[in-house]
N, C-alpha and C. Protein backbone atom coordinates (compact mmCIF):
# COMPACT_ATOMS: atom_id res chain seq x y z
N MET A 1 -85.27 9.86 -23.55
CA MET A 1 -85.48 10.89 -22.54
C MET A 1 -85.51 12.27 -23.20
N THR A 2 -86.52 13.03 -22.90
CA THR A 2 -86.67 14.37 -23.43
C THR A 2 -85.77 15.33 -22.66
N MET A 3 -85.17 16.27 -23.40
CA MET A 3 -84.31 17.27 -22.78
C MET A 3 -84.95 18.65 -22.91
N THR A 4 -84.67 19.51 -21.96
CA THR A 4 -85.11 20.90 -22.05
C THR A 4 -84.00 21.73 -22.69
N ALA A 5 -84.32 22.96 -23.03
CA ALA A 5 -83.31 23.86 -23.57
C ALA A 5 -82.16 24.03 -22.58
N MET A 6 -82.48 24.14 -21.31
CA MET A 6 -81.44 24.31 -20.29
C MET A 6 -80.58 23.05 -20.16
N ASP A 7 -81.17 21.87 -20.39
CA ASP A 7 -80.39 20.64 -20.40
C ASP A 7 -79.37 20.68 -21.54
N LEU A 8 -79.81 21.15 -22.70
CA LEU A 8 -78.91 21.26 -23.85
C LEU A 8 -77.76 22.23 -23.56
N VAL A 9 -78.09 23.35 -22.92
CA VAL A 9 -77.06 24.33 -22.56
C VAL A 9 -76.07 23.72 -21.57
N ALA A 10 -76.58 23.04 -20.55
CA ALA A 10 -75.71 22.42 -19.55
C ALA A 10 -74.79 21.39 -20.21
N GLU A 11 -75.33 20.63 -21.13
CA GLU A 11 -74.52 19.64 -21.84
C GLU A 11 -73.45 20.32 -22.69
N ALA A 12 -73.83 21.38 -23.39
CA ALA A 12 -72.87 22.11 -24.22
C ALA A 12 -71.73 22.67 -23.37
N LYS A 13 -72.06 23.18 -22.19
CA LYS A 13 -71.04 23.78 -21.31
C LYS A 13 -70.02 22.76 -20.84
N GLN A 14 -70.35 21.48 -20.92
CA GLN A 14 -69.38 20.44 -20.56
C GLN A 14 -68.33 20.24 -21.65
N HIS A 15 -68.62 20.75 -22.86
CA HIS A 15 -67.73 20.52 -24.00
C HIS A 15 -67.03 21.77 -24.51
N ILE A 16 -67.27 22.90 -23.90
CA ILE A 16 -66.71 24.16 -24.38
C ILE A 16 -65.89 24.83 -23.28
N THR A 17 -65.23 25.91 -23.67
CA THR A 17 -64.53 26.75 -22.71
C THR A 17 -65.34 28.02 -22.51
N GLU A 18 -65.56 28.38 -21.26
CA GLU A 18 -66.20 29.65 -20.93
C GLU A 18 -65.14 30.56 -20.32
N ILE A 19 -65.24 31.83 -20.63
CA ILE A 19 -64.36 32.81 -20.01
C ILE A 19 -65.20 33.79 -19.22
N ASP A 20 -64.58 34.38 -18.20
CA ASP A 20 -65.31 35.35 -17.39
C ASP A 20 -65.06 36.76 -17.93
N ILE A 21 -65.69 37.72 -17.30
CA ILE A 21 -65.60 39.12 -17.74
C ILE A 21 -64.16 39.62 -17.74
N GLU A 22 -63.40 39.28 -16.71
CA GLU A 22 -62.01 39.74 -16.63
C GLU A 22 -61.18 39.22 -17.81
N GLU A 23 -61.35 37.95 -18.13
CA GLU A 23 -60.63 37.38 -19.28
C GLU A 23 -61.08 38.05 -20.58
N ALA A 24 -62.36 38.29 -20.71
CA ALA A 24 -62.89 38.93 -21.92
C ALA A 24 -62.37 40.35 -22.07
N LYS A 25 -62.30 41.09 -20.96
CA LYS A 25 -61.78 42.47 -21.02
C LYS A 25 -60.35 42.49 -21.57
N GLN A 26 -59.56 41.51 -21.20
CA GLN A 26 -58.17 41.43 -21.66
C GLN A 26 -58.09 41.06 -23.15
N ALA A 27 -59.02 40.25 -23.61
CA ALA A 27 -58.93 39.70 -24.96
C ALA A 27 -59.73 40.48 -26.01
N ILE A 28 -60.58 41.37 -25.58
CA ILE A 28 -61.51 42.01 -26.52
C ILE A 28 -60.79 42.84 -27.60
N ALA A 29 -59.62 43.35 -27.28
CA ALA A 29 -58.90 44.17 -28.26
C ALA A 29 -58.25 43.34 -29.37
N THR A 30 -58.04 42.06 -29.12
CA THR A 30 -57.32 41.23 -30.09
C THR A 30 -58.16 40.12 -30.71
N ASP A 31 -59.17 39.65 -30.01
CA ASP A 31 -59.98 38.52 -30.49
C ASP A 31 -61.16 39.00 -31.33
N LEU A 32 -61.67 38.11 -32.17
CA LEU A 32 -62.92 38.38 -32.86
C LEU A 32 -64.05 38.29 -31.84
N ILE A 33 -65.05 39.15 -31.97
CA ILE A 33 -66.18 39.16 -31.04
C ILE A 33 -67.43 38.83 -31.83
N LEU A 34 -68.10 37.75 -31.45
CA LEU A 34 -69.29 37.29 -32.16
C LEU A 34 -70.51 37.38 -31.25
N ASP A 35 -71.47 38.18 -31.67
CA ASP A 35 -72.74 38.36 -30.97
C ASP A 35 -73.76 37.46 -31.65
N VAL A 36 -74.30 36.48 -30.91
CA VAL A 36 -75.25 35.54 -31.50
C VAL A 36 -76.70 35.85 -31.11
N ARG A 37 -76.92 37.07 -30.60
CA ARG A 37 -78.29 37.47 -30.25
C ARG A 37 -79.05 37.84 -31.54
N GLU A 38 -80.32 38.09 -31.38
CA GLU A 38 -81.15 38.49 -32.52
C GLU A 38 -80.79 39.92 -32.94
N PRO A 39 -81.04 40.27 -34.21
CA PRO A 39 -80.67 41.60 -34.70
C PRO A 39 -81.20 42.77 -33.86
N ALA A 40 -82.41 42.68 -33.34
CA ALA A 40 -82.95 43.77 -32.52
C ALA A 40 -82.18 43.92 -31.22
N GLU A 41 -81.76 42.80 -30.63
CA GLU A 41 -80.95 42.86 -29.41
C GLU A 41 -79.60 43.51 -29.70
N TYR A 42 -78.99 43.11 -30.79
CA TYR A 42 -77.71 43.64 -31.22
C TYR A 42 -77.80 45.15 -31.48
N ALA A 43 -78.86 45.56 -32.18
CA ALA A 43 -79.04 46.98 -32.52
C ALA A 43 -79.18 47.85 -31.29
N ALA A 44 -79.69 47.29 -30.19
CA ALA A 44 -79.87 48.06 -28.96
C ALA A 44 -78.55 48.31 -28.23
N GLY A 45 -77.52 47.56 -28.56
CA GLY A 45 -76.21 47.72 -27.95
C GLY A 45 -75.43 46.43 -28.01
N CYS A 46 -74.10 46.55 -28.14
CA CYS A 46 -73.26 45.37 -28.28
C CYS A 46 -71.89 45.63 -27.68
N LEU A 47 -71.11 44.57 -27.52
CA LEU A 47 -69.74 44.73 -27.11
C LEU A 47 -68.97 45.43 -28.22
N PRO A 48 -67.98 46.23 -27.88
CA PRO A 48 -67.21 46.95 -28.90
C PRO A 48 -66.61 45.98 -29.93
N GLY A 49 -66.82 46.30 -31.20
CA GLY A 49 -66.26 45.50 -32.28
C GLY A 49 -67.01 44.23 -32.61
N ALA A 50 -68.15 44.01 -31.97
CA ALA A 50 -68.90 42.76 -32.18
C ALA A 50 -69.52 42.68 -33.57
N ILE A 51 -69.54 41.47 -34.07
CA ILE A 51 -70.19 41.15 -35.34
C ILE A 51 -71.38 40.27 -35.02
N ASN A 52 -72.52 40.58 -35.61
CA ASN A 52 -73.75 39.86 -35.30
C ASN A 52 -74.05 38.79 -36.34
N ILE A 53 -74.12 37.55 -35.89
CA ILE A 53 -74.67 36.45 -36.67
C ILE A 53 -75.59 35.72 -35.69
N PRO A 54 -76.90 35.86 -35.85
CA PRO A 54 -77.83 35.24 -34.90
C PRO A 54 -77.64 33.73 -34.77
N ARG A 55 -77.87 33.22 -33.58
CA ARG A 55 -77.71 31.80 -33.28
C ARG A 55 -78.45 30.91 -34.26
N GLY A 56 -79.64 31.32 -34.66
CA GLY A 56 -80.47 30.49 -35.53
C GLY A 56 -79.91 30.24 -36.91
N VAL A 57 -79.00 31.09 -37.37
CA VAL A 57 -78.42 30.91 -38.71
C VAL A 57 -76.91 30.75 -38.68
N LEU A 58 -76.35 30.64 -37.51
CA LEU A 58 -74.89 30.62 -37.35
C LEU A 58 -74.19 29.59 -38.21
N GLU A 59 -74.63 28.35 -38.13
CA GLU A 59 -73.96 27.28 -38.87
C GLU A 59 -74.00 27.50 -40.38
N PHE A 60 -75.02 28.20 -40.85
CA PHE A 60 -75.17 28.45 -42.28
C PHE A 60 -74.39 29.67 -42.76
N LYS A 61 -74.12 30.63 -41.88
CA LYS A 61 -73.53 31.90 -42.28
C LYS A 61 -72.05 32.07 -41.91
N ILE A 62 -71.58 31.40 -40.88
CA ILE A 62 -70.26 31.70 -40.32
C ILE A 62 -69.13 31.52 -41.34
N THR A 63 -69.13 30.44 -42.10
CA THR A 63 -68.00 30.18 -42.99
C THR A 63 -67.97 31.09 -44.21
N SER A 64 -69.09 31.75 -44.52
CA SER A 64 -69.08 32.67 -45.66
C SER A 64 -69.00 34.14 -45.23
N HIS A 65 -69.05 34.40 -43.93
CA HIS A 65 -68.94 35.79 -43.46
C HIS A 65 -67.49 36.24 -43.60
N PRO A 66 -67.26 37.40 -44.21
CA PRO A 66 -65.87 37.85 -44.46
C PRO A 66 -64.99 37.93 -43.21
N GLU A 67 -65.57 38.25 -42.06
CA GLU A 67 -64.77 38.37 -40.84
C GLU A 67 -64.37 37.01 -40.26
N PHE A 68 -65.08 35.96 -40.65
CA PHE A 68 -64.82 34.63 -40.07
C PHE A 68 -64.37 33.60 -41.10
N GLN A 69 -64.48 33.94 -42.37
CA GLN A 69 -64.11 33.00 -43.43
C GLN A 69 -62.62 32.67 -43.35
N TYR A 70 -62.30 31.42 -43.36
CA TYR A 70 -60.93 30.91 -43.30
C TYR A 70 -60.22 31.30 -42.00
N LYS A 71 -60.96 31.51 -40.93
CA LYS A 71 -60.37 31.92 -39.66
C LYS A 71 -60.67 30.92 -38.55
N GLN A 72 -60.65 29.64 -38.91
CA GLN A 72 -60.94 28.59 -37.93
C GLN A 72 -59.92 28.56 -36.79
N ASP A 73 -58.73 29.13 -36.99
CA ASP A 73 -57.72 29.15 -35.94
C ASP A 73 -57.76 30.42 -35.10
N SER A 74 -58.59 31.38 -35.47
CA SER A 74 -58.66 32.64 -34.74
C SER A 74 -59.35 32.48 -33.40
N LYS A 75 -59.00 33.34 -32.47
CA LYS A 75 -59.67 33.37 -31.17
C LYS A 75 -60.96 34.15 -31.32
N ILE A 76 -62.05 33.56 -30.87
CA ILE A 76 -63.38 34.16 -31.00
C ILE A 76 -64.06 34.13 -29.64
N ILE A 77 -64.54 35.30 -29.21
CA ILE A 77 -65.36 35.38 -28.00
C ILE A 77 -66.81 35.43 -28.47
N VAL A 78 -67.59 34.46 -28.06
CA VAL A 78 -68.99 34.36 -28.44
C VAL A 78 -69.84 34.78 -27.25
N TYR A 79 -70.85 35.63 -27.51
CA TYR A 79 -71.73 36.01 -26.41
C TYR A 79 -73.16 36.17 -26.90
N CYS A 80 -74.08 36.05 -25.93
CA CYS A 80 -75.50 36.29 -26.15
C CYS A 80 -75.97 37.16 -25.00
N GLN A 81 -77.24 37.08 -24.66
CA GLN A 81 -77.75 37.91 -23.57
C GLN A 81 -77.27 37.44 -22.19
N SER A 82 -77.32 36.10 -21.96
CA SER A 82 -76.96 35.63 -20.63
C SER A 82 -76.03 34.42 -20.61
N GLY A 83 -75.70 33.85 -21.74
CA GLY A 83 -74.75 32.75 -21.80
C GLY A 83 -75.25 31.43 -22.33
N GLY A 84 -76.57 31.27 -22.48
CA GLY A 84 -77.11 30.02 -22.98
C GLY A 84 -76.91 29.83 -24.47
N ARG A 85 -77.37 30.78 -25.26
CA ARG A 85 -77.21 30.67 -26.71
C ARG A 85 -75.74 30.65 -27.11
N SER A 86 -74.93 31.42 -26.38
CA SER A 86 -73.50 31.44 -26.74
C SER A 86 -72.83 30.10 -26.43
N ALA A 87 -73.28 29.39 -25.40
CA ALA A 87 -72.74 28.07 -25.12
C ALA A 87 -73.08 27.12 -26.27
N LEU A 88 -74.33 27.14 -26.71
CA LEU A 88 -74.74 26.29 -27.83
C LEU A 88 -73.99 26.68 -29.11
N ALA A 89 -73.84 27.98 -29.33
CA ALA A 89 -73.14 28.47 -30.52
C ALA A 89 -71.67 28.09 -30.49
N THR A 90 -71.04 28.19 -29.33
CA THR A 90 -69.62 27.84 -29.22
C THR A 90 -69.42 26.36 -29.49
N GLU A 91 -70.32 25.53 -28.97
CA GLU A 91 -70.23 24.10 -29.25
C GLU A 91 -70.35 23.83 -30.75
N ALA A 92 -71.28 24.51 -31.41
CA ALA A 92 -71.45 24.34 -32.85
C ALA A 92 -70.20 24.82 -33.61
N LEU A 93 -69.64 25.96 -33.20
CA LEU A 93 -68.44 26.47 -33.85
C LEU A 93 -67.28 25.49 -33.70
N ASN A 94 -67.13 24.93 -32.52
CA ASN A 94 -66.07 23.93 -32.30
C ASN A 94 -66.24 22.76 -33.27
N LYS A 95 -67.47 22.31 -33.45
CA LYS A 95 -67.74 21.19 -34.37
C LYS A 95 -67.45 21.58 -35.82
N LEU A 96 -67.57 22.88 -36.14
CA LEU A 96 -67.29 23.37 -37.49
C LEU A 96 -65.80 23.67 -37.69
N GLY A 97 -64.99 23.42 -36.67
CA GLY A 97 -63.55 23.61 -36.81
C GLY A 97 -63.00 24.89 -36.19
N TYR A 98 -63.85 25.70 -35.59
CA TYR A 98 -63.39 26.92 -34.91
C TYR A 98 -62.99 26.52 -33.48
N LYS A 99 -61.78 26.02 -33.34
CA LYS A 99 -61.34 25.40 -32.09
C LYS A 99 -61.00 26.41 -31.00
N ASN A 100 -60.84 27.68 -31.34
CA ASN A 100 -60.49 28.70 -30.34
C ASN A 100 -61.67 29.60 -30.00
N ALA A 101 -62.87 29.11 -30.23
CA ALA A 101 -64.07 29.86 -29.84
C ALA A 101 -64.36 29.59 -28.37
N VAL A 102 -64.67 30.65 -27.64
CA VAL A 102 -65.02 30.53 -26.23
C VAL A 102 -66.30 31.31 -25.98
N SER A 103 -67.02 30.91 -24.96
CA SER A 103 -68.29 31.55 -24.61
C SER A 103 -68.09 32.49 -23.42
N LEU A 104 -68.68 33.67 -23.50
CA LEU A 104 -68.61 34.64 -22.41
C LEU A 104 -69.63 34.28 -21.34
N LYS A 105 -69.13 33.88 -20.19
CA LYS A 105 -69.99 33.50 -19.07
C LYS A 105 -70.82 34.71 -18.63
N GLY A 106 -72.13 34.55 -18.61
CA GLY A 106 -73.03 35.63 -18.19
C GLY A 106 -73.44 36.56 -19.31
N GLY A 107 -72.76 36.49 -20.45
CA GLY A 107 -73.12 37.24 -21.64
C GLY A 107 -73.15 38.75 -21.50
N TYR A 108 -73.95 39.35 -22.37
CA TYR A 108 -74.08 40.80 -22.43
C TYR A 108 -74.57 41.36 -21.10
N LYS A 109 -75.45 40.64 -20.46
CA LYS A 109 -75.99 41.07 -19.17
C LYS A 109 -74.86 41.24 -18.14
N ALA A 110 -73.96 40.29 -18.06
CA ALA A 110 -72.83 40.37 -17.12
C ALA A 110 -71.91 41.52 -17.50
N TRP A 111 -71.72 41.74 -18.79
CA TRP A 111 -70.88 42.84 -19.27
C TRP A 111 -71.45 44.17 -18.78
N LEU A 112 -72.76 44.34 -18.96
CA LEU A 112 -73.42 45.57 -18.49
C LEU A 112 -73.36 45.72 -16.98
N GLU A 113 -73.61 44.62 -16.27
CA GLU A 113 -73.61 44.66 -14.81
C GLU A 113 -72.25 45.04 -14.24
N ASN A 114 -71.19 44.83 -15.01
CA ASN A 114 -69.85 45.19 -14.59
C ASN A 114 -69.48 46.61 -15.03
N GLY A 115 -70.45 47.32 -15.60
CA GLY A 115 -70.25 48.71 -15.98
C GLY A 115 -69.29 48.92 -17.14
N LEU A 116 -69.16 47.93 -18.00
CA LEU A 116 -68.22 48.02 -19.11
C LEU A 116 -68.85 48.69 -20.32
N HIS A 117 -67.99 49.25 -21.16
CA HIS A 117 -68.41 50.00 -22.34
C HIS A 117 -69.15 49.12 -23.34
N VAL A 118 -70.25 49.64 -23.88
CA VAL A 118 -70.96 49.00 -24.97
C VAL A 118 -71.06 49.98 -26.12
N SER A 119 -71.30 49.46 -27.30
CA SER A 119 -71.38 50.26 -28.51
C SER A 119 -72.74 50.10 -29.17
N LYS A 120 -73.03 51.00 -30.05
CA LYS A 120 -74.17 50.85 -30.97
C LYS A 120 -73.59 50.42 -32.29
N PRO A 121 -74.12 49.40 -32.91
CA PRO A 121 -73.58 48.98 -34.21
C PRO A 121 -73.72 50.10 -35.23
N GLU A 122 -72.77 50.18 -36.15
CA GLU A 122 -72.78 51.24 -37.15
C GLU A 122 -74.00 51.18 -38.04
N SER A 123 -74.49 49.97 -38.30
CA SER A 123 -75.65 49.82 -39.19
C SER A 123 -76.97 50.10 -38.49
N ALA A 124 -76.95 50.24 -37.17
CA ALA A 124 -78.19 50.44 -36.43
C ALA A 124 -78.58 51.90 -36.40
């Protein structure tokens, strides 16, 4: 049976933890924040303190990135534009041993819609 991208996302969401905006607001000061959107999306604005590793290269880059290396026990909030890529990314992170990774329900879009602060990355 062939699956669509949305089928894959729905399946991933059955195996991960999603948090809502209120939970993310409480945790953003202490947890690692991982933006899995594309670099151009990230450059246009991101959650405060977010580190960008695009979804397409996540599995190859996460364990060698200085902010995530040897931090499989750290709490990580993963987000994308609307929650699909972050669900897939969170599932992949869990499989790589990052057991405290959670996906932000609604993603960056939900963050903006709630009128919350966003940043411009320093490198942008």
